[in-house]
Every structure is written in C-alpha cells, then in structure tokens.
Amino acid sequence: MRQMGLDWKSHMLAGFLFGAAVAHFAFQLQPTKLLAFSLVSASASLLPDLDAKNSKISSLLRIIAFGGSVLLAIWLSYLQGLALPGFLWLLAIFLAALFAFGLFFRLRHRGITHSLFFLFLAAGASWLILGEVLAVAVAAGIFSHFLLDLCLKLA
C-alpha cells in the first residue's frame, strides 16, 4: 500500500530544501555553490530507498547495472579476442549474476538503508570521493529522507 506523499518527488524536494538550509546556515555558501550542494542533497535523499524494489533509485541502479554488464562483456570480449558467441556467453553470465544477486540479496524495505549506519557509511564514502562539504550534502539528503519518513509515518 502506497502512502500519500512518500514518493521520490517528495523526498527530492525535502532533500533539496534541507540541503539548502544546511548549506546556508552551516557553510554560508554563495548561491551557485548552495545550488550544487542542494542538488547533491536532493539526489542523496533517494539513496535510502535502494532497498525498495520499485523505487526510482532502484530502477536507475538496475539500468546502470545492465549497461555496465554489457560494457564489461564488450570490453572483456575485446581483450580476449572473442567472437560474437563468446561475447554472448559473457553477457549471459553477467546478467545471470545480476538476476541471482537481485533474487537472493534483496534487502528488507526500511531496513539497513534506513539506519544511521547507512547514513554514516554513505557520508564516509562520499567524504573520501567528493570531499567534506559534499559529504555533508549527502548526509543531509539521507537525513531528510529519514525525517520525512518519520513525519509521515507519525501523521
């Protein structure tokens, strides 16, 4: 059953606004940097729903995984000098692995990805990759997701 307001657009809007507030009050960022911070925060607000099968972020991740599998099969086929049948076998193996992973390792919705552990893990990874300011943007987006879920769950 889908609750009203808990769609990806609501989470992105909340992430954007929460990110703008954090950017302004914590960092006093100029408008262009504030916008970039807020967009990162809005995007990160979708991350906790990686565990929801029909969420926007899960759909995007499946598309990226499929495309990555095709590109990896092409690249490995090229490196090994394989003909079309070899490429198709590699692609079939990669797609079967993706299917098996999705079948056997589906996370429970509002489980680990809706936890402070996930927030700290994502913020830590972001800090290593993007730097400390954008790591705060990621953390703000994920936290806004938690707040919105909590507020709408209590209502």
Protein backbone atom coordinates (compact mmCIF):
# COMPACT_ATOMS: atom_id res chain seq x y z
CA MET A 1 0.00 0.00 0.00
CA ARG A 2 1.46 3.34 -1.03
CA GLN A 3 1.15 6.19 1.41
CA MET A 4 0.46 9.61 0.04
CA GLY A 5 3.47 11.89 -0.15
CA LEU A 6 6.13 9.18 0.17
CA ASP A 7 7.15 9.26 -3.46
CA TRP A 8 10.53 10.15 -4.91
CA LYS A 9 9.49 13.72 -5.73
CA SER A 10 8.61 14.46 -2.11
CA HIS A 11 11.91 13.06 -0.92
CA MET A 12 13.87 15.06 -3.50
CA LEU A 13 12.06 18.29 -2.63
CA ALA A 14 12.66 17.75 1.09
CA GLY A 15 16.30 16.85 0.40
CA PHE A 16 16.75 19.97 -1.71
CA LEU A 17 15.22 22.29 0.89
CA PHE A 18 17.00 20.66 3.83
CA GLY A 19 20.27 20.78 1.87
CA ALA A 20 19.75 24.47 1.09
CA ALA A 21 19.19 25.21 4.78
CA VAL A 22 22.32 23.27 5.81
CA ALA A 23 24.39 24.92 3.06
CA HIS A 24 23.24 28.38 4.10
CA PHE A 25 23.44 28.06 7.88
CA ALA A 26 26.44 25.72 8.23
CA PHE A 27 28.64 26.90 5.37
CA GLN A 28 27.25 30.31 4.25
CA LEU A 29 27.70 29.20 0.64
CA GLN A 30 27.24 31.55 -2.29
CA PRO A 31 24.15 30.93 -4.50
CA THR A 32 25.81 28.75 -7.15
CA LYS A 33 27.57 26.56 -4.58
CA LEU A 34 24.40 26.47 -2.48
CA LEU A 35 22.51 25.20 -5.54
CA ALA A 36 25.10 22.48 -6.19
CA PHE A 37 25.04 21.45 -2.51
CA SER A 38 21.22 21.32 -2.58
CA LEU A 39 21.16 19.22 -5.77
CA VAL A 40 23.58 16.70 -4.24
CA SER A 41 21.43 16.62 -1.12
CA ALA A 42 18.26 16.13 -3.19
CA SER A 43 19.85 13.26 -5.11
CA ALA A 44 21.14 11.64 -1.92
CA SER A 45 17.67 11.80 -0.42
CA LEU A 46 16.71 8.90 -2.71
CA LEU A 47 19.52 6.60 -1.51
CA PRO A 48 17.68 5.03 1.46
CA ASP A 49 15.10 3.61 -0.95
CA LEU A 50 17.72 1.44 -2.67
CA ASP A 51 16.02 -1.39 -0.78
CA ALA A 52 12.59 -0.72 -2.32
CA LYS A 53 12.14 -2.81 -5.46
CA ASN A 54 10.07 -0.24 -7.39
CA SER A 55 11.81 2.95 -6.27
CA LYS A 56 13.33 5.38 -8.77
CA ILE A 57 16.83 4.83 -7.41
CA SER A 58 16.49 1.02 -7.67
CA SER A 59 15.24 1.33 -11.24
CA LEU A 60 18.15 3.60 -12.11
CA LEU A 61 20.58 1.21 -10.45
CA ARG A 62 19.20 -1.73 -12.47
CA ILE A 63 19.67 0.25 -15.70
CA ILE A 64 23.23 1.16 -14.73
CA ALA A 65 23.99 -2.46 -13.75
CA PHE A 66 22.61 -3.76 -17.05
CA GLY A 67 24.57 -1.19 -19.07
CA GLY A 68 27.69 -1.91 -17.05
CA SER A 69 27.28 -5.64 -17.72
CA VAL A 70 27.03 -5.03 -21.46
CA LEU A 71 30.07 -2.73 -21.45
CA LEU A 72 32.08 -5.17 -19.33
CA ALA A 73 31.20 -8.06 -21.66
CA ILE A 74 32.22 -5.97 -24.69
CA TRP A 75 35.48 -4.93 -23.05
CA LEU A 76 36.41 -8.45 -21.91
CA SER A 77 35.44 -9.88 -25.30
CA TYR A 78 37.71 -7.36 -26.98
CA LEU A 79 40.63 -8.06 -24.62
CA GLN A 80 40.30 -11.81 -25.10
CA GLY A 81 39.70 -11.59 -28.84
CA LEU A 82 36.35 -13.40 -28.54
CA ALA A 83 33.85 -13.57 -31.36
CA LEU A 84 30.12 -12.89 -31.00
CA PRO A 85 29.32 -16.24 -29.30
CA GLY A 86 31.97 -15.55 -26.63
CA PHE A 87 30.54 -12.09 -26.03
CA LEU A 88 27.03 -13.52 -25.70
CA TRP A 89 28.22 -16.13 -23.18
CA LEU A 90 29.93 -13.46 -21.09
CA LEU A 91 26.87 -11.25 -21.23
CA ALA A 92 24.62 -14.17 -20.23
CA ILE A 93 26.87 -14.94 -17.24
CA PHE A 94 26.89 -11.31 -16.07
CA LEU A 95 23.12 -10.93 -16.46
CA ALA A 96 22.51 -14.23 -14.64
CA ALA A 97 24.74 -12.99 -11.81
CA LEU A 98 22.75 -9.74 -11.63
CA PHE A 99 19.47 -11.67 -11.58
CA ALA A 100 20.74 -14.01 -8.84
CA PHE A 101 22.01 -11.10 -6.77
CA GLY A 102 18.62 -9.38 -7.00
CA LEU A 103 16.79 -12.59 -6.20
CA PHE A 104 18.82 -13.70 -3.21
CA PHE A 105 20.08 -10.45 -1.72
CA ARG A 106 17.01 -8.21 -1.73
CA LEU A 107 17.10 -6.03 1.36
CA ARG A 108 14.05 -5.55 3.54
CA HIS A 109 12.47 -2.13 2.94
CA ARG A 110 13.21 0.34 5.70
CA GLY A 111 15.91 -1.95 6.98
CA ILE A 112 19.65 -1.23 6.90
CA THR A 113 19.38 1.56 4.33
CA HIS A 114 17.09 3.44 6.71
CA SER A 115 19.62 3.42 9.55
CA LEU A 116 22.26 5.71 10.96
CA PHE A 117 24.82 3.08 9.99
CA PHE A 118 23.90 3.60 6.32
CA LEU A 119 23.98 7.38 6.74
CA PHE A 120 27.50 7.24 8.23
CA LEU A 121 28.67 4.71 5.64
CA ALA A 122 27.38 6.82 2.72
CA ALA A 123 28.73 10.05 4.23
CA GLY A 124 32.12 8.43 4.86
CA ALA A 125 32.35 7.08 1.32
CA SER A 126 31.28 10.49 -0.01
CA TRP A 127 33.93 12.20 2.07
CA LEU A 128 36.62 10.00 0.54
CA ILE A 129 35.31 10.55 -3.01
CA LEU A 130 33.80 14.05 -3.01
CA GLY A 131 35.31 15.85 -0.02
CA GLU A 132 33.89 17.01 3.27
CA VAL A 133 31.41 19.65 2.09
CA LEU A 134 29.64 17.36 -0.38
CA ALA A 135 29.75 14.53 2.17
CA VAL A 136 27.68 16.79 4.42
CA ALA A 137 25.30 17.32 1.48
CA VAL A 138 24.91 13.54 1.10
CA ALA A 139 24.33 13.16 4.84
CA ALA A 140 21.78 15.99 4.79
CA GLY A 141 19.87 14.36 1.93
CA ILE A 142 19.75 10.97 3.61
CA PHE A 143 18.78 12.53 6.92
CA SER A 144 15.97 14.48 5.24
CA HIS A 145 14.66 11.16 3.89
CA PHE A 146 14.60 9.77 7.43
CA LEU A 147 12.81 12.87 8.74
CA LEU A 148 10.19 12.82 6.01
CA ASP A 149 9.51 9.10 6.53
CA LEU A 150 9.24 9.65 10.27
CA CYS A 151 6.92 12.67 9.97
CA LEU A 152 4.59 10.98 7.51
CA LYS A 153 4.63 7.73 9.50
CA LEU A 154 3.57 9.60 12.64
CA ALA A 155 0.81 11.54 10.85
